[in-house]
Amino acid sequence: MGIPVLLAALCASACMGVLQRVRRHLGRSDKVMGGLLILTGILIMTGSMNEIGFWMQQVFPALGQAG
C-alpha cells in the first residue's frame, strides 16, 4: 500500500516543474470550465441535452453499446 506514496515522493520534483507550467493557465481553464458548466446547465434545463444524446447515438452507434 505504500508503493504509490513512495513513487509519488520520488517523482515529486519532476511534478513540481509541470505544475508550475500549468499554473500559468489555471485562470483561463477556470473560465472555460465555468462556461462549459453554465452551457451544460442551460442544455439540461431546456431539454436539449437529451436531443444531443439521441443525435450522438444516431451518428455514433457504438456509443449505445458502451456501458
PDB file of N, CA and C in Angstrom:
ATOM      1  N   MET A   1       0.820  -1.192   0.000  1.00  0.00           N
ATOM      2  CA  MET A   1       0.000   0.000   0.000  1.00  0.00           C
ATOM      3  C   MET A   1       0.864   1.257   0.000  1.00  0.00           C
ATOM      4  N   GLY A   2       2.091   1.160   0.435  1.00  0.00           N
ATOM      5  CA  GLY A   2       2.943   2.338   0.487  1.00  0.00           C
ATOM      6  C   GLY A   2       3.684   2.604  -0.807  1.00  0.00           C
ATOM      7  N   ILE A   3       3.612   1.673  -1.762  1.00  0.00           N
ATOM      8  CA  ILE A   3       4.362   1.829  -3.009  1.00  0.00           C
ATOM      9  C   ILE A   3       3.915   3.072  -3.792  1.00  0.00           C
ATOM     10  N   PRO A   4       2.623   3.330  -3.969  1.00  0.00           N
ATOM     11  CA  PRO A   4       2.241   4.556  -4.689  1.00  0.00           C
ATOM     12  C   PRO A   4       2.743   5.827  -4.008  1.00  0.00           C
ATOM     13  N   VAL A   5       2.764   5.830  -2.679  1.00  0.00           N
ATOM     14  CA  VAL A   5       3.239   7.005  -1.950  1.00  0.00           C
ATOM     15  C   VAL A   5       4.729   7.190  -2.195  1.00  0.00           C
ATOM     16  N   LEU A   6       5.485   6.096  -2.171  1.00  0.00           N
ATOM     17  CA  LEU A   6       6.921   6.192  -2.430  1.00  0.00           C
ATOM     18  C   LEU A   6       7.191   6.651  -3.859  1.00  0.00           C
ATOM     19  N   LEU A   7       6.437   6.137  -4.817  1.00  0.00           N
ATOM     20  CA  LEU A   7       6.610   6.573  -6.205  1.00  0.00           C
ATOM     21  C   LEU A   7       6.282   8.053  -6.365  1.00  0.00           C
ATOM     22  N   ALA A   8       5.256   8.505  -5.694  1.00  0.00           N
ATOM     23  CA  ALA A   8       4.889   9.919  -5.757  1.00  0.00           C
ATOM     24  C   ALA A   8       5.991  10.788  -5.157  1.00  0.00           C
ATOM     25  N   ALA A   9       6.587  10.317  -4.083  1.00  0.00           N
ATOM     26  CA  ALA A   9       7.673  11.070  -3.450  1.00  0.00           C
ATOM     27  C   ALA A   9       8.883  11.147  -4.370  1.00  0.00           C
ATOM     28  N   LEU A  10       9.174  10.069  -5.080  1.00  0.00           N
ATOM     29  CA  LEU A  10      10.317  10.065  -5.989  1.00  0.00           C
ATOM     30  C   LEU A  10      10.092  10.981  -7.190  1.00  0.00           C
ATOM     31  N   CYS A  11       8.855  11.108  -7.609  1.00  0.00           N
ATOM     32  CA  CYS A  11       8.538  11.922  -8.790  1.00  0.00           C
ATOM     33  C   CYS A  11       8.107  13.340  -8.431  1.00  0.00           C
ATOM     34  N   ALA A  12       8.162  13.701  -7.167  1.00  0.00           N
ATOM     35  CA  ALA A  12       7.636  14.995  -6.727  1.00  0.00           C
ATOM     36  C   ALA A  12       8.362  16.153  -7.383  1.00  0.00           C
ATOM     37  N   SER A  13       9.671  16.095  -7.490  1.00  0.00           N
ATOM     38  CA  SER A  13      10.407  17.230  -8.056  1.00  0.00           C
ATOM     39  C   SER A  13      10.058  17.418  -9.534  1.00  0.00           C
ATOM     40  N   ALA A  14       9.920  16.328 -10.274  1.00  0.00           N
ATOM     41  CA  ALA A  14       9.542  16.441 -11.680  1.00  0.00           C
ATOM     42  C   ALA A  14       8.129  16.989 -11.808  1.00  0.00           C
ATOM     43  N   CYS A  15       7.241  16.562 -10.930  1.00  0.00           N
ATOM     44  CA  CYS A  15       5.853  17.027 -10.974  1.00  0.00           C
ATOM     45  C   CYS A  15       5.750  18.509 -10.624  1.00  0.00           C
ATOM     46  N   MET A  16       6.604  18.989  -9.769  1.00  0.00           N
ATOM     47  CA  MET A  16       6.552  20.404  -9.387  1.00  0.00           C
ATOM     48  C   MET A  16       6.837  21.300 -10.591  1.00  0.00           C
ATOM     49  N   GLY A  17       7.775  20.893 -11.453  1.00  0.00           N
ATOM     50  CA  GLY A  17       8.058  21.667 -12.648  1.00  0.00           C
ATOM     51  C   GLY A  17       6.856  21.730 -13.572  1.00  0.00           C
ATOM     52  N   VAL A  18       6.187  20.599 -13.728  1.00  0.00           N
ATOM     53  CA  VAL A  18       4.989  20.555 -14.573  1.00  0.00           C
ATOM     54  C   VAL A  18       3.890  21.413 -13.967  1.00  0.00           C
ATOM     55  N   LEU A  19       3.708  21.342 -12.665  1.00  0.00           N
ATOM     56  CA  LEU A  19       2.655  22.123 -12.005  1.00  0.00           C
ATOM     57  C   LEU A  19       2.898  23.614 -12.136  1.00  0.00           C
ATOM     58  N   GLN A  20       4.163  24.043 -12.098  1.00  0.00           N
ATOM     59  CA  GLN A  20       4.450  25.464 -12.255  1.00  0.00           C
ATOM     60  C   GLN A  20       4.095  25.947 -13.660  1.00  0.00           C
ATOM     61  N   ARG A  21       4.321  25.100 -14.669  1.00  0.00           N
ATOM     62  CA  ARG A  21       3.950  25.485 -16.033  1.00  0.00           C
ATOM     63  C   ARG A  21       2.436  25.511 -16.199  1.00  0.00           C
ATOM     64  N   VAL A  22       1.744  24.574 -15.567  1.00  0.00           N
ATOM     65  CA  VAL A  22       0.283  24.502 -15.687  1.00  0.00           C
ATOM     66  C   VAL A  22      -0.372  25.655 -14.935  1.00  0.00           C
ATOM     67  N   ARG A  23       0.225  26.089 -13.857  1.00  0.00           N
ATOM     68  CA  ARG A  23      -0.358  27.139 -13.018  1.00  0.00           C
ATOM     69  C   ARG A  23      -0.609  28.425 -13.799  1.00  0.00           C
ATOM     70  N   ARG A  24       0.215  28.691 -14.826  1.00  0.00           N
ATOM     71  CA  ARG A  24       0.025  29.895 -15.636  1.00  0.00           C
ATOM     72  C   ARG A  24      -1.322  29.899 -16.348  1.00  0.00           C
ATOM     73  N   HIS A  25      -1.814  28.726 -16.671  1.00  0.00           N
ATOM     74  CA  HIS A  25      -3.034  28.613 -17.464  1.00  0.00           C
ATOM     75  C   HIS A  25      -4.285  28.348 -16.630  1.00  0.00           C
ATOM     76  N   LEU A  26      -4.155  28.318 -15.325  1.00  0.00           N
ATOM     77  CA  LEU A  26      -5.303  27.979 -14.480  1.00  0.00           C
ATOM     78  C   LEU A  26      -6.440  28.987 -14.596  1.00  0.00           C
ATOM     79  N   GLY A  27      -6.133  30.263 -14.715  1.00  0.00           N
ATOM     80  CA  GLY A  27      -7.181  31.276 -14.828  1.00  0.00           C
ATOM     81  C   GLY A  27      -8.026  31.065 -16.071  1.00  0.00           C
ATOM     82  N   ARG A  28      -7.342  30.808 -17.185  1.00  0.00           N
ATOM     83  CA  ARG A  28      -8.062  30.577 -18.438  1.00  0.00           C
ATOM     84  C   ARG A  28      -8.879  29.295 -18.373  1.00  0.00           C
ATOM     85  N   SER A  29      -8.276  28.242 -17.845  1.00  0.00           N
ATOM     86  CA  SER A  29      -9.007  26.971 -17.801  1.00  0.00           C
ATOM     87  C   SER A  29     -10.208  27.059 -16.853  1.00  0.00           C
ATOM     88  N   ASP A  30     -10.089  27.818 -15.782  1.00  0.00           N
ATOM     89  CA  ASP A  30     -11.235  28.015 -14.875  1.00  0.00           C
ATOM     90  C   ASP A  30     -12.390  28.695 -15.601  1.00  0.00           C
ATOM     91  N   LYS A  31     -12.075  29.700 -16.413  1.00  0.00           N
ATOM     92  CA  LYS A  31     -13.123  30.408 -17.147  1.00  0.00           C
ATOM     93  C   LYS A  31     -13.769  29.506 -18.185  1.00  0.00           C
ATOM     94  N   VAL A  32     -12.963  28.726 -18.882  1.00  0.00           N
ATOM     95  CA  VAL A  32     -13.507  27.814 -19.888  1.00  0.00           C
ATOM     96  C   VAL A  32     -14.393  26.761 -19.220  1.00  0.00           C
ATOM     97  N   MET A  33     -13.925  26.179 -18.127  1.00  0.00           N
ATOM     98  CA  MET A  33     -14.716  25.160 -17.429  1.00  0.00           C
ATOM     99  C   MET A  33     -15.992  25.750 -16.850  1.00  0.00           C
ATOM    100  N   GLY A  34     -15.932  26.976 -16.349  1.00  0.00           N
ATOM    101  CA  GLY A  34     -17.136  27.633 -15.849  1.00  0.00           C
ATOM    102  C   GLY A  34     -18.150  27.851 -16.963  1.00  0.00           C
ATOM    103  N   GLY A  35     -17.658  28.269 -18.137  1.00  0.00           N
ATOM    104  CA  GLY A  35     -18.545  28.445 -19.279  1.00  0.00           C
ATOM    105  C   GLY A  35     -19.186  27.144 -19.714  1.00  0.00           C
ATOM    106  N   LEU A  36     -18.395  26.069 -19.727  1.00  0.00           N
ATOM    107  CA  LEU A  36     -18.954  24.764 -20.089  1.00  0.00           C
ATOM    108  C   LEU A  36     -19.980  24.292 -19.067  1.00  0.00           C
ATOM    109  N   LEU A  37     -19.747  24.591 -17.800  1.00  0.00           N
ATOM    110  CA  LEU A  37     -20.696  24.216 -16.761  1.00  0.00           C
ATOM    111  C   LEU A  37     -22.017  24.973 -16.932  1.00  0.00           C
ATOM    112  N   ILE A  38     -21.930  26.252 -17.235  1.00  0.00           N
ATOM    113  CA  ILE A  38     -23.143  27.046 -17.464  1.00  0.00           C
ATOM    114  C   ILE A  38     -23.878  26.540 -18.702  1.00  0.00           C
ATOM    115  N   LEU A  39     -23.123  26.266 -19.782  1.00  0.00           N
ATOM    116  CA  LEU A  39     -23.728  25.753 -21.005  1.00  0.00           C
ATOM    117  C   LEU A  39     -24.422  24.413 -20.762  1.00  0.00           C
ATOM    118  N   THR A  40     -23.789  23.535 -20.005  1.00  0.00           N
ATOM    119  CA  THR A  40     -24.390  22.243 -19.684  1.00  0.00           C
ATOM    120  C   THR A  40     -25.677  22.421 -18.888  1.00  0.00           C
ATOM    121  N   GLY A  41     -25.670  23.341 -17.934  1.00  0.00           N
ATOM    122  CA  GLY A  41     -26.880  23.607 -17.156  1.00  0.00           C
ATOM    123  C   GLY A  41     -28.020  24.115 -18.023  1.00  0.00           C
ATOM    124  N   ILE A  42     -27.709  25.008 -18.948  1.00  0.00           N
ATOM    125  CA  ILE A  42     -28.740  25.527 -19.851  1.00  0.00           C
ATOM    126  C   ILE A  42     -29.281  24.409 -20.732  1.00  0.00           C
ATOM    127  N   LEU A  43     -28.390  23.551 -21.253  1.00  0.00           N
ATOM    128  CA  LEU A  43     -28.837  22.442 -22.092  1.00  0.00           C
ATOM    129  C   LEU A  43     -29.734  21.481 -21.319  1.00  0.00           C
ATOM    130  N   ILE A  44     -29.416  21.237 -20.062  1.00  0.00           N
ATOM    131  CA  ILE A  44     -30.234  20.334 -19.244  1.00  0.00           C
ATOM    132  C   ILE A  44     -31.594  20.972 -18.961  1.00  0.00           C
ATOM    133  N   MET A  45     -31.598  22.268 -18.618  1.00  0.00           N
ATOM    134  CA  MET A  45     -32.865  22.938 -18.290  1.00  0.00           C
ATOM    135  C   MET A  45     -33.799  23.019 -19.493  1.00  0.00           C
ATOM    136  N   THR A  46     -33.261  23.185 -20.685  1.00  0.00           N
ATOM    137  CA  THR A  46     -34.108  23.312 -21.870  1.00  0.00           C
ATOM    138  C   THR A  46     -34.445  21.964 -22.493  1.00  0.00           C
ATOM    139  N   GLY A  47     -33.856  20.879 -21.990  1.00  0.00           N
ATOM    140  CA  GLY A  47     -34.117  19.555 -22.535  1.00  0.00           C
ATOM    141  C   GLY A  47     -33.297  19.242 -23.778  1.00  0.00           C
ATOM    142  N   SER A  48     -32.408  20.134 -24.136  1.00  0.00           N
ATOM    143  CA  SER A  48     -31.596  19.931 -25.334  1.00  0.00           C
ATOM    144  C   SER A  48     -30.528  18.870 -25.133  1.00  0.00           C
ATOM    145  N   MET A  49     -30.161  18.604 -23.902  1.00  0.00           N
ATOM    146  CA  MET A  49     -29.129  17.598 -23.642  1.00  0.00           C
ATOM    147  C   MET A  49     -29.597  16.228 -24.121  1.00  0.00           C
ATOM    148  N   ASN A  50     -30.877  15.916 -23.919  1.00  0.00           N
ATOM    149  CA  ASN A  50     -31.425  14.652 -24.412  1.00  0.00           C
ATOM    150  C   ASN A  50     -31.357  14.579 -25.927  1.00  0.00           C
ATOM    151  N   GLU A  51     -31.707  15.672 -26.583  1.00  0.00           N
ATOM    152  CA  GLU A  51     -31.669  15.702 -28.044  1.00  0.00           C
ATOM    153  C   GLU A  51     -30.251  15.491 -28.556  1.00  0.00           C
ATOM    154  N   ILE A  52     -29.287  16.110 -27.895  1.00  0.00           N
ATOM    155  CA  ILE A  52     -27.885  15.931 -28.289  1.00  0.00           C
ATOM    156  C   ILE A  52     -27.464  14.483 -28.082  1.00  0.00           C
ATOM    157  N   GLY A  53     -27.904  13.881 -26.977  1.00  0.00           N
ATOM    158  CA  GLY A  53     -27.588  12.482 -26.710  1.00  0.00           C
ATOM    159  C   GLY A  53     -28.159  11.547 -27.763  1.00  0.00           C
ATOM    160  N   PHE A  54     -29.411  11.773 -28.137  1.00  0.00           N
ATOM    161  CA  PHE A  54     -30.025  10.938 -29.176  1.00  0.00           C
ATOM    162  C   PHE A  54     -29.330  11.125 -30.513  1.00  0.00           C
ATOM    163  N   TRP A  55     -28.984  12.367 -30.833  1.00  0.00           N
ATOM    164  CA  TRP A  55     -28.276  12.644 -32.075  1.00  0.00           C
ATOM    165  C   TRP A  55     -26.916  11.939 -32.106  1.00  0.00           C
ATOM    166  N   MET A  56     -26.201  12.003 -30.976  1.00  0.00           N
ATOM    167  CA  MET A  56     -24.880  11.362 -30.914  1.00  0.00           C
ATOM    168  C   MET A  56     -24.991   9.853 -31.070  1.00  0.00           C
ATOM    169  N   GLN A  57     -26.064   9.252 -30.535  1.00  0.00           N
ATOM    170  CA  GLN A  57     -26.246   7.808 -30.700  1.00  0.00           C
ATOM    171  C   GLN A  57     -26.561   7.448 -32.139  1.00  0.00           C
ATOM    172  N   GLN A  58     -27.233   8.331 -32.857  1.00  0.00           N
ATOM    173  CA  GLN A  58     -27.501   8.069 -34.260  1.00  0.00           C
ATOM    174  C   GLN A  58     -26.236   8.206 -35.101  1.00  0.00           C
ATOM    175  N   VAL A  59     -25.439   9.218 -34.795  1.00  0.00           N
ATOM    176  CA  VAL A  59     -24.218   9.457 -35.563  1.00  0.00           C
ATOM    177  C   VAL A  59     -23.128   8.447 -35.193  1.00  0.00           C
ATOM    178  N   PHE A  60     -23.013   8.138 -33.899  1.00  0.00           N
ATOM    179  CA  PHE A  60     -22.007   7.206 -33.403  1.00  0.00           C
ATOM    180  C   PHE A  60     -22.706   6.030 -32.717  1.00  0.00           C
ATOM    181  N   PRO A  61     -23.156   5.019 -33.455  1.00  0.00           N
ATOM    182  CA  PRO A  61     -23.911   3.913 -32.863  1.00  0.00           C
ATOM    183  C   PRO A  61     -23.140   3.141 -31.787  1.00  0.00           C
ATOM    184  N   ALA A  62     -21.826   3.167 -31.842  1.00  0.00           N
ATOM    185  CA  ALA A  62     -21.033   2.445 -30.839  1.00  0.00           C
ATOM    186  C   ALA A  62     -21.234   3.007 -29.448  1.00  0.00           C
ATOM    187  N   LEU A  63     -21.648   4.275 -29.349  1.00  0.00           N
ATOM    188  CA  LEU A  63     -21.879   4.877 -28.025  1.00  0.00           C
ATOM    189  C   LEU A  63     -23.031   4.192 -27.299  1.00  0.00           C
ATOM    190  N   GLY A  64     -24.001   3.652 -28.039  1.00  0.00           N
ATOM    191  CA  GLY A  64     -25.126   2.969 -27.421  1.00  0.00           C
ATOM    192  C   GLY A  64     -24.735   1.651 -26.805  1.00  0.00           C
ATOM    193  N   GLN A  65     -23.604   1.095 -27.233  1.00  0.00           N
ATOM    194  CA  GLN A  65     -23.149  -0.189 -26.721  1.00  0.00           C
ATOM    195  C   GLN A  65     -22.132  -0.032 -25.584  1.00  0.00           C
ATOM    196  N   ALA A  66     -21.636   1.163 -25.380  1.00  0.00           N
ATOM    197  CA  ALA A  66     -20.603   1.397 -24.353  1.00  0.00           C
ATOM    198  C   ALA A  66     -21.265   1.554 -22.999  1.00  0.00           C
ATOM    199  N   GLY A  67     -21.392   0.505 -22.275  1.00  0.00           N
ATOM    200  CA  GLY A  67     -21.906   0.607 -20.933  1.00  0.00           C
ATOM    201  C   GLY A  67     -23.271   0.063 -20.838  1.00  0.00           C
TER     202      GLY A  67
END
